Protein backbone atom coordinates (compact mmCIF):
# COMPACT_ATOMS: atom_id res chain seq x y z
CA UNK A 1 101.57 39.50 95.09
CA UNK A 2 101.76 41.89 98.10
CA UNK A 3 104.16 43.74 99.72
CA UNK A 4 103.73 44.68 103.50
CA UNK A 5 104.21 48.39 104.34
CA UNK A 6 102.95 49.02 108.05
CA UNK A 7 100.18 48.61 110.43
CA UNK A 8 97.65 50.59 111.02
CA UNK A 9 96.76 52.39 114.28
CA UNK A 10 93.15 54.11 113.69
CA UNK A 11 91.90 55.41 116.44
CA UNK A 12 88.54 53.25 115.60
CA UNK A 13 90.46 50.17 116.11
CA UNK A 14 91.52 50.46 119.88
CA UNK A 15 89.35 47.13 120.76
CA UNK A 16 92.33 44.66 121.37
CA UNK A 17 90.01 41.96 119.70
CA UNK A 18 89.77 43.58 116.45
CA UNK A 19 92.67 43.11 114.36
CA UNK A 20 94.94 46.14 113.31
CA UNK A 21 95.58 45.10 109.90
CA UNK A 22 98.20 46.30 107.54
CA UNK A 23 98.68 48.28 104.51
CA UNK A 24 100.81 47.39 101.47
CA UNK A 25 101.57 48.88 98.02
CA UNK A 26 101.63 46.67 94.92
CA UNK A 27 102.11 47.02 91.09
CA UNK A 28 101.30 44.75 88.27
CA UNK A 29 104.62 44.47 86.87
CA UNK A 30 105.58 41.15 85.13
CA UNK A 31 109.45 39.81 84.73
CA UNK A 32 109.92 39.49 80.65
CA UNK A 33 111.89 36.59 81.73
CA UNK A 34 109.98 34.44 83.80
CA UNK A 35 106.71 35.95 82.74
CA UNK A 36 105.60 36.23 86.53
CA UNK A 37 104.56 38.83 88.65
CA UNK A 38 107.43 40.88 90.45
CA UNK A 39 105.40 42.92 93.01
CA UNK A 40 107.41 42.15 95.67
CA UNK A 41 110.74 42.87 94.08
CA UNK A 42 109.50 45.74 91.63
CA UNK A 43 112.65 48.19 91.79
CA UNK A 44 109.65 51.04 90.41
CA UNK A 45 107.91 50.48 93.84
CA UNK A 46 110.33 52.57 95.60
CA UNK A 47 112.45 55.65 94.75
CA UNK A 48 116.28 54.96 94.02
CA UNK A 49 118.26 55.86 97.30
CA UNK A 50 119.61 58.50 95.65
CA UNK A 51 116.11 60.32 94.79
CA UNK A 52 114.25 60.15 98.28
CA UNK A 53 116.43 57.63 100.51
CA UNK A 54 114.16 54.25 99.21
CA UNK A 55 111.10 55.64 100.21
CA UNK A 56 107.55 54.50 98.24
CA UNK A 57 107.20 55.90 94.74
CA UNK A 58 104.49 58.24 94.15
CA UNK A 59 103.79 57.29 90.63
CA UNK A 60 104.12 53.71 90.64
CA UNK A 61 101.85 50.86 91.94
CA UNK A 62 98.77 51.51 94.01
CA UNK A 63 98.10 50.85 97.78
CA UNK A 64 95.86 48.10 99.73
CA UNK A 65 95.27 46.82 103.13
CA UNK A 66 94.56 43.78 104.53
CA UNK A 67 92.41 42.94 107.78
CA UNK A 68 91.77 39.47 109.62
CA UNK A 69 88.08 38.93 110.18
CA UNK A 70 86.20 36.99 112.94
CA UNK A 71 86.20 33.30 112.82
CA UNK A 72 83.30 31.37 111.29
CA UNK A 73 80.78 29.96 114.31
CA UNK A 74 82.45 26.75 114.29
CA UNK A 75 86.07 28.49 115.03
CA UNK A 76 87.29 28.08 111.22
CA UNK A 77 89.73 30.99 110.25
CA UNK A 78 87.87 33.26 107.53
CA UNK A 79 89.84 34.58 104.44
CA UNK A 80 91.42 37.94 105.45
CA UNK A 81 89.63 41.08 104.07
CA UNK A 82 91.91 42.35 101.33
CA UNK A 83 91.23 45.48 99.11
CA UNK A 84 93.60 47.32 96.53
CA UNK A 85 93.51 50.06 94.13
CA UNK A 86 93.75 52.98 96.18
CA UNK A 87 95.60 56.11 94.77
CA UNK A 88 97.15 57.04 97.96
CA UNK A 89 98.05 55.47 101.33
CA UNK A 90 95.70 57.76 102.91
CA UNK A 91 92.77 56.35 101.07
CA UNK A 92 93.36 52.49 102.00
CA UNK A 93 93.91 53.90 105.57
CA UNK A 94 91.03 55.56 105.67
CA UNK A 95 89.07 52.44 104.58
CA UNK A 96 90.78 50.15 106.82
CA UNK A 97 89.88 52.36 109.57
CA UNK A 98 86.13 52.28 108.53
CA UNK A 99 86.11 48.22 108.41
CA UNK A 100 87.88 48.24 111.81
CA UNK A 101 85.39 50.74 113.35
CA UNK A 102 82.66 48.59 111.94
CA UNK A 103 83.94 45.51 113.69
CA UNK A 104 84.47 47.40 116.63
CA UNK A 105 80.92 48.48 117.27
CA UNK A 106 79.99 45.26 119.30
CA UNK A 107 81.93 42.83 121.59
CA UNK A 108 80.03 39.98 120.93
CA UNK A 109 81.42 37.26 118.36
CA UNK A 110 77.77 36.45 116.99
CA UNK A 111 77.10 40.33 116.23
CA UNK A 112 80.82 40.67 114.62
CA UNK A 113 80.26 37.53 112.62
CA UNK A 114 77.01 39.11 111.65
CA UNK A 115 78.96 42.77 110.58
CA UNK A 116 81.44 40.76 108.77
CA UNK A 117 78.65 39.05 106.65
CA UNK A 118 77.43 42.47 106.08
CA UNK A 119 80.49 43.95 105.09
CA UNK A 120 81.51 41.33 102.60
CA UNK A 121 78.03 41.74 100.91
CA UNK A 122 78.37 45.47 100.53
CA UNK A 123 81.48 45.33 99.38
CA UNK A 124 80.57 42.53 96.55
CA UNK A 125 77.39 44.77 95.55
CA UNK A 126 78.51 48.33 95.98
CA UNK A 127 82.09 48.43 96.43
CA UNK A 128 81.69 49.94 99.40
CA UNK A 129 81.25 49.26 103.16
CA UNK A 130 78.32 50.06 104.84
CA UNK A 131 77.69 53.28 106.72
CA UNK A 132 79.03 53.23 110.34
CA UNK A 133 76.03 54.92 112.03
CA UNK A 134 73.43 53.24 110.63
CA UNK A 135 74.88 49.73 111.40
CA UNK A 136 75.37 50.83 115.08
CA UNK A 137 71.70 51.76 114.96
CA UNK A 138 70.74 48.53 113.70
CA UNK A 139 73.42 46.85 116.45
CA UNK A 140 71.65 48.74 119.42
CA UNK A 141 68.31 47.66 118.52
CA UNK A 142 69.21 44.07 117.98
CA UNK A 143 68.39 44.20 114.00
CA UNK A 144 69.19 41.33 111.87
CA UNK A 145 71.91 42.95 109.91
CA UNK A 146 71.86 40.85 106.57
CA UNK A 147 68.03 40.26 106.47
CA UNK A 148 67.26 42.60 103.50
CA UNK A 149 63.46 44.07 103.90
CA UNK A 150 61.89 44.76 101.00
CA UNK A 151 58.92 47.22 100.33
CA UNK A 152 56.33 44.75 100.26
CA UNK A 153 57.27 43.00 103.26
CA UNK A 154 57.38 46.14 105.00
CA UNK A 155 54.12 47.24 104.00
CA UNK A 156 52.62 43.99 104.97
CA UNK A 157 53.98 44.37 108.29
CA UNK A 158 52.76 47.71 108.32
CA UNK A 159 49.06 46.69 107.96
CA UNK A 160 49.43 44.06 110.46
CA UNK A 161 50.39 46.64 112.91
CA UNK A 162 47.57 49.08 112.02
CA UNK A 163 44.99 46.91 114.38
CA UNK A 164 43.13 50.09 116.05
CA UNK A 165 42.19 52.26 113.18
CA UNK A 166 38.68 52.60 111.47
CA UNK A 167 38.01 49.84 109.28
CA UNK A 168 37.57 51.97 106.50
CA UNK A 169 40.96 53.45 106.76
CA UNK A 170 42.54 50.16 107.23
CA UNK A 171 40.79 49.29 104.03
CA UNK A 172 41.65 52.44 102.25
CA UNK A 173 45.62 51.46 103.29
CA UNK A 174 45.11 47.98 102.06
CA UNK A 175 43.81 48.76 98.78
CA UNK A 176 46.54 51.11 98.05
CA UNK A 177 48.73 48.58 98.92
CA UNK A 178 47.64 45.90 96.87
CA UNK A 179 47.05 48.17 93.53
CA UNK A 180 49.48 50.46 93.54
CA UNK A 181 52.52 50.34 96.08
CA UNK A 182 53.30 46.51 95.67
CA UNK A 183 53.13 46.52 92.03
CA UNK A 184 55.47 49.31 91.52
CA UNK A 185 57.41 49.03 94.66
CA UNK A 186 57.17 45.77 96.35
CA UNK A 187 60.27 43.98 94.77
CA UNK A 188 62.82 46.78 96.03
CA UNK A 189 64.79 46.75 99.10
CA UNK A 190 63.41 48.98 101.89
CA UNK A 191 66.54 50.69 102.54
CA UNK A 192 67.24 51.15 98.83
CA UNK A 193 64.00 53.07 98.31
CA UNK A 194 64.44 56.31 96.37
CA UNK A 195 62.78 59.24 95.57
CA UNK A 196 63.07 58.16 91.53
CA UNK A 197 61.43 55.15 92.64
CA UNK A 198 58.16 56.70 93.93
CA UNK A 199 58.13 59.38 91.38
CA UNK A 200 58.30 56.82 88.64
CA UNK A 201 55.35 55.18 90.08
CA UNK A 202 53.17 58.00 89.92
CA UNK A 203 54.46 58.64 86.37
CA UNK A 204 53.00 54.99 85.72
CA UNK A 205 49.89 55.54 87.36
CA UNK A 206 49.31 58.49 85.23
CA UNK A 207 50.16 56.83 81.88
CA UNK A 208 47.78 54.69 82.34
CA UNK A 209 45.42 56.51 83.12
CA UNK A 210 45.80 57.92 79.45
CA UNK A 211 45.65 54.36 78.22
CA UNK A 212 42.20 53.86 79.93
CA UNK A 213 40.82 57.30 78.48
CA UNK A 214 42.30 56.12 74.87
CA UNK A 215 40.45 52.79 75.23
CA UNK A 216 37.33 54.04 76.78
CA UNK A 217 37.02 56.48 73.58
CA UNK A 218 37.94 54.28 70.96
CA UNK A 219 34.58 52.97 70.32
CA UNK A 220 35.95 49.26 69.93
CA UNK A 221 33.99 47.00 72.35
CA UNK A 222 36.96 44.84 72.96
CA UNK A 223 39.23 47.54 73.80
CA UNK A 224 36.34 49.12 75.82
CA UNK A 225 35.97 45.98 77.77
CA UNK A 226 39.93 45.34 78.50
CA UNK A 227 39.67 48.68 80.99
CA UNK A 228 35.93 48.00 81.91
CA UNK A 229 36.90 47.57 85.38
CA UNK A 230 39.81 50.32 85.75
CA UNK A 231 39.18 53.66 86.86
CA UNK A 232 41.38 56.57 86.42
CA UNK A 233 43.13 57.83 89.42
CA UNK A 234 42.79 61.41 90.23
CA UNK A 235 44.98 63.76 92.05
CA UNK A 236 43.28 63.34 95.19
CA UNK A 237 43.99 59.64 95.36
CA UNK A 238 47.38 60.11 94.23
CA UNK A 239 47.88 62.20 97.14
CA UNK A 240 46.27 59.41 99.33
CA UNK A 241 48.79 56.98 97.53
CA UNK A 242 51.54 58.86 98.80
CA UNK A 243 50.16 59.65 102.28
CA UNK A 244 49.76 55.88 102.93
CA UNK A 245 53.62 55.26 101.86
CA UNK A 246 54.83 58.34 104.14
CA UNK A 247 53.23 56.98 106.94
CA UNK A 248 53.93 53.31 106.52
CA UNK A 249 57.69 54.46 106.03
CA UNK A 250 57.62 56.77 109.14
CA UNK A 251 56.87 53.88 111.11
CA UNK A 252 59.79 51.99 109.76
CA UNK A 253 61.71 55.11 110.85
CA UNK A 254 60.18 55.47 114.10
CA UNK A 255 59.71 52.13 115.48
CA UNK A 256 62.09 49.81 113.83
CA UNK A 257 64.47 52.48 112.72
CA UNK A 258 65.14 50.58 109.22
CA UNK A 259 65.41 53.64 107.59
CA UNK A 260 66.76 57.54 108.33
CA UNK A 261 64.94 59.21 105.41
CA UNK A 262 61.49 59.03 104.19
CA UNK A 263 61.67 59.37 100.36
CA UNK A 264 57.77 59.71 99.91
CA UNK A 265 57.72 63.17 101.87
CA UNK A 266 59.55 64.65 99.56
CA UNK A 267 57.94 63.47 96.01
CA UNK A 268 55.93 66.05 94.42
CA UNK A 269 52.60 65.73 92.92
CA UNK A 270 50.27 68.01 91.32
CA UNK A 271 47.99 70.05 93.90
CA UNK A 272 44.90 67.77 94.57
CA UNK A 273 42.16 70.59 93.76
CA UNK A 274 39.11 69.91 95.34
CA UNK A 275 36.34 70.58 92.63
CA UNK A 276 34.03 72.93 93.24
CA UNK A 277 30.04 72.53 92.89
CA UNK A 278 28.76 73.66 89.72
CA UNK A 279 25.07 74.74 89.18
CA UNK A 280 23.01 72.94 86.46
CA UNK A 281 21.72 76.28 84.86
CA UNK A 282 19.62 76.06 81.70
CA UNK A 283 22.58 76.72 79.35
CA UNK A 284 24.48 73.80 80.93
CA UNK A 285 21.29 71.80 80.88
CA UNK A 286 21.18 72.10 77.05
CA UNK A 287 24.50 71.08 76.25
CA UNK A 288 24.59 67.95 78.32
CA UNK A 289 21.33 66.84 76.64
CA UNK A 290 23.36 67.25 73.17
CA UNK A 291 26.07 65.41 74.76
CA UNK A 292 24.10 62.76 76.26
CA UNK A 293 22.36 62.33 72.80
CA UNK A 294 25.82 61.66 70.93
CA UNK A 295 27.35 59.80 73.74
CA UNK A 296 24.15 57.27 73.62
CA UNK A 297 24.71 57.11 69.78
CA UNK A 298 28.09 56.40 70.00
CA UNK A 299 27.50 53.50 72.56
CA UNK A 300 24.89 52.13 70.34
CA UNK A 301 27.10 51.85 67.42
CA UNK A 302 29.66 50.18 69.82
CA UNK A 303 27.06 47.70 70.90
CA UNK A 304 26.29 46.87 67.67
CA UNK A 305 22.80 46.07 67.99
CA UNK A 306 22.93 44.65 71.73
CA UNK A 307 21.56 46.02 74.55
CA UNK A 308 22.54 49.47 75.90
CA UNK A 309 22.34 50.24 79.57
CA UNK A 310 20.14 53.58 79.82
CA UNK A 311 21.51 54.58 83.32
CA UNK A 312 25.17 53.58 82.49
CA UNK A 313 24.87 56.08 79.27
CA UNK A 314 22.93 58.62 81.36
CA UNK A 315 25.60 58.77 84.35
CA UNK A 316 28.50 58.53 81.75
CA UNK A 317 27.70 61.50 79.51
CA UNK A 318 30.18 64.08 79.94
CA UNK A 319 29.01 67.14 82.58
CA UNK A 320 30.78 70.48 83.26
CA UNK A 321 32.10 69.05 86.65
CA UNK A 322 32.42 66.15 88.83
CA UNK A 323 29.97 67.83 91.38
CA UNK A 324 26.94 69.14 89.82
CA UNK A 325 24.25 70.81 92.30
CA UNK A 326 20.48 71.14 91.13
CA UNK A 327 18.66 74.48 91.08
CA UNK A 328 15.83 74.69 94.00
CA UNK A 329 13.37 74.00 91.18
CA UNK A 330 15.23 70.90 89.73
CA UNK A 331 15.40 69.80 93.20
CA UNK A 332 11.57 70.39 94.00
CA UNK A 333 11.07 68.46 90.66
CA UNK A 334 13.15 65.38 91.65
CA UNK A 335 11.18 65.27 95.26
CA UNK A 336 7.75 65.79 93.30
CA UNK A 337 8.82 62.25 91.30
CA UNK A 338 10.19 60.73 94.31
CA UNK A 339 7.41 61.21 96.50
CA UNK A 340 5.64 58.05 95.91
CA UNK A 341 9.02 55.81 96.34
CA UNK A 342 9.24 53.88 99.59
CA UNK A 343 12.75 55.60 100.01
CA UNK A 344 11.28 59.26 99.32
CA UNK A 345 11.80 60.21 103.18
CA UNK A 346 15.56 59.15 102.99
CA UNK A 347 15.95 61.32 99.64
CA UNK A 348 14.13 64.17 101.13
CA UNK A 349 16.37 64.32 104.26
CA UNK A 350 19.76 64.11 102.33
CA UNK A 351 18.17 67.12 99.89
CA UNK A 352 16.90 69.16 102.68
CA UNK A 353 19.31 68.53 105.68
CA UNK A 354 22.60 67.31 103.67
CA UNK A 355 23.20 63.80 105.38
CA UNK A 356 25.87 62.02 103.68
CA UNK A 357 24.80 58.89 102.35
CA UNK A 358 26.17 56.57 104.88
CA UNK A 359 24.66 58.86 107.73
CA UNK A 360 21.18 58.96 105.89
CA UNK A 361 21.17 55.08 106.04
CA UNK A 362 22.39 54.62 109.08
CA UNK A 363 19.50 56.80 111.15
CA UNK A 364 17.98 54.81 114.00
CA UNK A 365 14.38 55.10 115.15
CA UNK A 366 15.52 56.30 118.73
CA UNK A 367 17.60 58.95 117.71
CA UNK A 368 14.55 60.77 115.58
CA UNK A 369 12.70 62.91 118.69
CA UNK A 370 9.68 63.73 116.89
CA UNK A 371 8.47 66.43 119.75
CA UNK A 372 11.55 68.70 119.04
CA UNK A 373 11.77 68.20 115.47
CA UNK A 374 15.19 66.88 115.58
CA UNK A 375 17.51 64.09 114.70
CA UNK A 376 20.62 62.29 116.13
CA UNK A 377 23.53 61.49 114.02
CA UNK A 378 25.27 59.17 115.89
CA UNK A 379 25.35 55.96 113.59
CA UNK A 380 26.22 55.14 110.05
CA UNK A 381 26.62 52.54 107.28
CA UNK A 382 29.67 52.98 104.92
CA UNK A 383 30.64 50.58 102.27
CA UNK A 384 34.01 48.79 101.59
CA UNK A 385 34.18 46.92 98.64
CA UNK A 386 30.65 45.75 98.51
CA UNK A 387 30.89 44.80 102.02
CA UNK A 388 28.59 47.43 104.27
CA UNK A 389 29.99 48.29 107.44
CA UNK A 390 28.27 49.97 110.47
CA UNK A 391 29.88 51.98 112.83
CA UNK A 392 29.93 55.22 114.54
CA UNK A 393 30.79 58.56 112.45
CA UNK A 394 34.58 59.07 111.74
CA UNK A 395 34.65 62.59 113.37
CA UNK A 396 33.19 64.22 116.90
CA UNK A 397 31.81 66.90 114.18
CA UNK A 398 29.97 64.36 112.11
CA UNK A 399 28.62 62.74 115.46
CA UNK A 400 25.91 65.71 115.67
CA UNK A 401 22.03 66.33 116.13
CA UNK A 402 20.33 68.29 113.52
CA UNK A 403 17.17 70.45 113.37
CA UNK A 404 14.48 68.88 110.67
CA UNK A 405 11.90 70.85 109.06
CA UNK A 406 8.08 70.10 110.01
CA UNK A 407 7.28 68.72 106.41
CA UNK A 408 10.29 66.30 106.71
CA UNK A 409 9.27 65.50 110.24
CA UNK A 410 5.57 64.75 109.11
CA UNK A 411 7.19 62.71 105.81
CA UNK A 412 9.15 60.58 108.18
CA UNK A 413 6.18 59.96 110.46
CA UNK A 414 4.34 58.63 107.22
CA UNK A 415 7.30 56.45 106.43
CA UNK A 416 7.15 54.97 109.98
CA UNK A 417 3.29 53.96 109.34
CA UNK A 418 4.26 52.46 106.12
CA UNK A 419 6.95 50.43 107.80
CA UNK A 420 4.71 49.25 110.57
CA UNK A 421 2.39 47.76 107.69
CA UNK A 422 5.53 46.19 106.21
CA UNK A 423 6.29 44.51 109.29
CA UNK A 424 2.87 43.19 109.68
CA UNK A 425 3.15 41.88 106.03
CA UNK A 426 6.37 40.44 106.53
CA UNK A 427 5.34 38.39 109.77
CA UNK A 428 7.65 36.16 111.23
CA UNK A 429 10.54 37.02 108.67
CA UNK A 430 10.47 40.31 109.95
CA UNK A 431 14.07 41.63 110.99
CA UNK A 432 14.01 44.15 113.83
CA UNK A 433 17.07 46.19 112.83
CA UNK A 434 15.79 49.40 114.58
CA UNK A 435 16.73 51.54 111.28
CA UNK A 436 14.28 54.10 109.96
CA UNK A 437 15.26 52.93 106.55
CA UNK A 438 15.25 49.11 105.86
CA UNK A 439 14.22 46.85 103.16
CA UNK A 440 10.70 45.40 102.84
CA UNK A 441 11.44 42.74 105.65
CA UNK A 442 13.32 45.26 107.84
CA UNK A 443 17.21 44.62 107.12
CA UNK A 444 19.39 47.89 107.23
CA UNK A 445 19.44 49.12 103.29
CA UNK A 446 22.87 48.32 101.10
CA UNK A 447 24.16 51.95 100.55
CA UNK A 448 24.79 50.97 97.01
CA UNK A 449 20.94 50.23 96.50
CA UNK A 450 20.27 53.68 97.78
CA UNK A 451 22.66 55.11 95.10
CA UNK A 452 21.17 52.70 92.12
CA UNK A 453 17.40 53.55 93.08
CA UNK A 454 18.43 57.43 93.00
CA UNK A 455 20.22 57.17 89.92
CA UNK A 456 16.97 55.75 88.28
CA UNK A 457 14.81 58.19 89.80
CA UNK A 458 16.57 60.99 88.26
CA UNK A 459 16.56 59.24 85.13
CA UNK A 460 12.72 58.97 85.15
CA UNK A 461 12.33 62.35 86.10
CA UNK A 462 14.36 63.68 83.00
CA UNK A 463 16.34 65.34 85.02
CA UNK A 464 20.48 66.06 84.30
CA UNK A 465 22.39 63.58 86.39
CA UNK A 466 24.00 64.39 89.80
CA UNK A 467 25.45 62.11 92.21
CA UNK A 468 23.66 61.23 95.56
CA UNK A 469 26.26 63.06 97.51
CA UNK A 470 25.70 65.88 95.29
CA UNK A 471 22.23 66.22 97.19
CA UNK A 472 23.93 67.28 100.28
CA UNK A 473 26.23 69.77 98.23
CA UNK A 474 22.61 70.94 96.99
CA UNK A 475 21.46 71.15 100.12
CA UNK A 476 24.47 73.54 101.91
CA UNK A 477 24.39 75.69 98.70
CA UNK A 478 20.69 76.21 99.46
CA UNK A 479 21.31 77.18 103.06
CA UNK A 480 24.17 79.62 102.06
CA UNK A 481 21.85 81.10 99.41
CA UNK A 482 18.96 81.53 102.06
CA UNK A 483 21.44 83.63 104.38
CA UNK A 484 21.97 80.56 106.77
CA UNK A 485 24.55 81.60 109.08
CA UNK A 486 27.96 79.65 108.06
CA UNK A 487 28.31 78.41 111.68
CA UNK A 488 24.83 76.51 111.46
CA UNK A 489 25.87 75.28 108.15
CA UNK A 490 29.06 73.84 109.13
CA UNK A 491 27.20 72.13 112.11
CA UNK A 492 24.55 70.70 109.86
CA UNK A 493 26.59 68.90 107.37
CA UNK A 494 29.27 67.72 110.01
CA UNK A 495 31.88 69.74 109.00
CA UNK A 496 35.21 70.30 111.40
CA UNK A 497 35.38 73.87 110.55
CA UNK A 498 33.31 76.80 108.88
CA UNK A 499 36.34 77.84 106.81
CA UNK A 500 36.18 74.07 104.85
CA UNK A 501 32.30 74.75 104.56
CA UNK A 502 33.05 78.43 103.34
CA UNK A 503 36.01 77.37 100.80
CA UNK A 504 34.11 74.30 99.26
CA UNK A 505 30.37 75.79 98.94
CA UNK A 506 31.14 79.07 96.82
CA UNK A 507 28.72 77.89 93.75
CA UNK A 508 25.44 80.01 94.19
CA UNK A 509 22.14 79.97 92.37
CA UNK A 510 21.72 82.09 89.22
CA UNK A 511 18.59 83.91 91.07
CA UNK A 512 20.44 84.29 94.12
CA UNK A 513 23.44 86.13 91.98
CA UNK A 514 21.17 88.18 90.15
CA UNK A 515 19.45 89.33 93.26
CA UNK A 516 22.87 90.24 95.07
CA UNK A 517 23.97 92.41 91.92
CA UNK A 518 20.59 94.23 91.79
CA UNK A 519 21.24 94.94 95.80
CA UNK A 520 24.82 96.04 95.20
CA UNK A 521 23.51 98.14 92.35
CA UNK A 522 21.12 99.83 94.56
CA UNK A 523 23.71 100.87 97.03
CA UNK A 524 24.96 103.60 94.40
CA UNK A 525 21.31 104.90 92.72
CA UNK A 526 21.02 108.37 93.07
CA UNK A 527 19.35 111.31 91.18
CA UNK A 528 20.92 111.79 87.49
CA UNK A 529 23.32 114.82 87.83
CA UNK A 530 24.61 116.32 84.30
CA UNK A 531 28.07 116.76 83.75
CA UNK A 532 29.08 119.47 81.36
CA UNK A 533 32.90 119.41 81.20
CA UNK A 534 35.96 116.88 82.14
CA UNK A 535 35.58 114.52 85.08
CA UNK A 536 38.81 116.30 86.75
CA UNK A 537 37.59 119.58 88.68
CA UNK A 538 39.22 122.89 87.71
CA UNK A 539 39.86 123.35 91.08
CA UNK A 540 42.54 120.40 90.88
CA UNK A 541 44.16 121.85 87.83
CA UNK A 542 44.48 125.63 89.64
CA UNK A 543 48.00 126.56 89.59
CA UNK A 544 49.32 127.59 92.93
CA UNK A 545 48.81 131.08 94.00
CA UNK A 546 45.54 131.45 91.83
CA UNK A 547 42.08 131.84 93.30
CA UNK A 548 40.27 128.34 92.56
CA UNK A 549 36.58 128.52 91.99
CA UNK A 550 34.40 126.82 94.67
CA UNK A 551 32.71 123.32 93.55
CA UNK A 552 29.34 125.22 93.06
CA UNK A 553 30.79 127.68 90.45
CA UNK A 554 32.87 125.26 88.31
CA UNK A 555 31.00 123.80 85.35
CA UNK A 556 33.01 120.55 85.15
CA UNK A 557 33.77 120.36 88.75
CA UNK A 558 33.22 116.95 90.67
CA UNK A 559 29.80 116.30 92.26
CA UNK A 560 30.00 113.94 95.46
CA UNK A 561 27.55 111.09 94.73
CA UNK A 562 24.86 110.51 96.88
CA UNK A 563 24.95 107.34 98.99
CA UNK A 564 21.61 105.86 100.35
């Protein structure tokens, strides 16, 4: 079925060990008498001698090429590469040159066999040859050209390589991979991962968020139970998932050169807006109590007479913002109620000095300097899943020393005396952990137990709900309302910059806002001045060349306002 045309002398094929290949032209004409293909003798393939001298016809038949391929490893000859269907000779020659250029990338027979296998596989799957520069890069780095790494396989390798990072960060990466990246993208070949694949993953996550909300609002116990352990994925988490994937793909590019482009870097997501702290004003508390009562009624009806968890209902009722802050009076009421609790000193420290939960739980006695009224924040106990993890603060700004007021230091001294009594009562069972806040036998506290106890105290005190972390927000808001310099607030909280502190804590207490409004208005206070005419001065309306009256003569003139 072929008719040989001529040798191809492409520049890419100067390697003498690579066959030059040939181009040809064929047609699919059938001899009506024999029923056989007559490509070799079809008169239509060439022009008549009187019309172009027997040159190839431009309207009949298609072009193709044939190229000898390297033999198999056992020396057995491989079937030549034959491709046809090209409309022009130039198109056939271009692909022939492309194929020859690929085979000429490396003289080693084993590498050429890999390139050959890759070429045949790509032609079968995509009807096109692999990119020369991509193959050149893989050949130079001695990669297996025919191993198709999936996204899941690369992410597993990525996690293995992240040995020197914080355990919390590594656990976060692993969680993103397990819950989102592998289920949605894992089976896709890494080199075929597209922007649309990643965008589709985020669309699916947001659709499931809607399902979770619908199931929880249904009131049907079975439907609510189906999503009991599934939480909606918020904008901030979506950005973190994308950051994990982007980091993994960047390593695939920089270390293994498996990709030339990072599709995760250009996927667009809605802005991850950090929720601003909102004060529990009297009006908001009244509305919350109504919402809480309605939520409790719905849950009771859904439970059909079964026991209702009051704390779950308490913290599950809707609130104006995910981040709520008590007023000073509400915080004082909480501290007064919690005074007899054995963890009162911990809650007081968080409420007054703004420690993070892990930092408060991780305070050790050697870091408490009673003589100077200071506490060193050099250790923390964080939570990964359910497991408590001990370690140093994550950033240099978080590793700090803070000043503590005299009353809080006195409360810490009382706490220490009570701990000594607990140690005597525990006897040989006591664990000398060195932590300020422990259980009854000296073991470090589990962070979640501290949170659970906090919610119970809030509920018992009759206060609107906040998170334990919101006590820290309350401390920051109180410091700013009291006029503490922003730099001191930043260092006390352990923020890396004062700009972050300023941008985060913009809420103010109503009393402070009212005082600021009065102070501002006082700047413009002055004796009342009667105005008998239009505000515009007559002098300003005088025509050119006329004698305008002075301010004192003009009944409707503008009187300068005295500034005090």
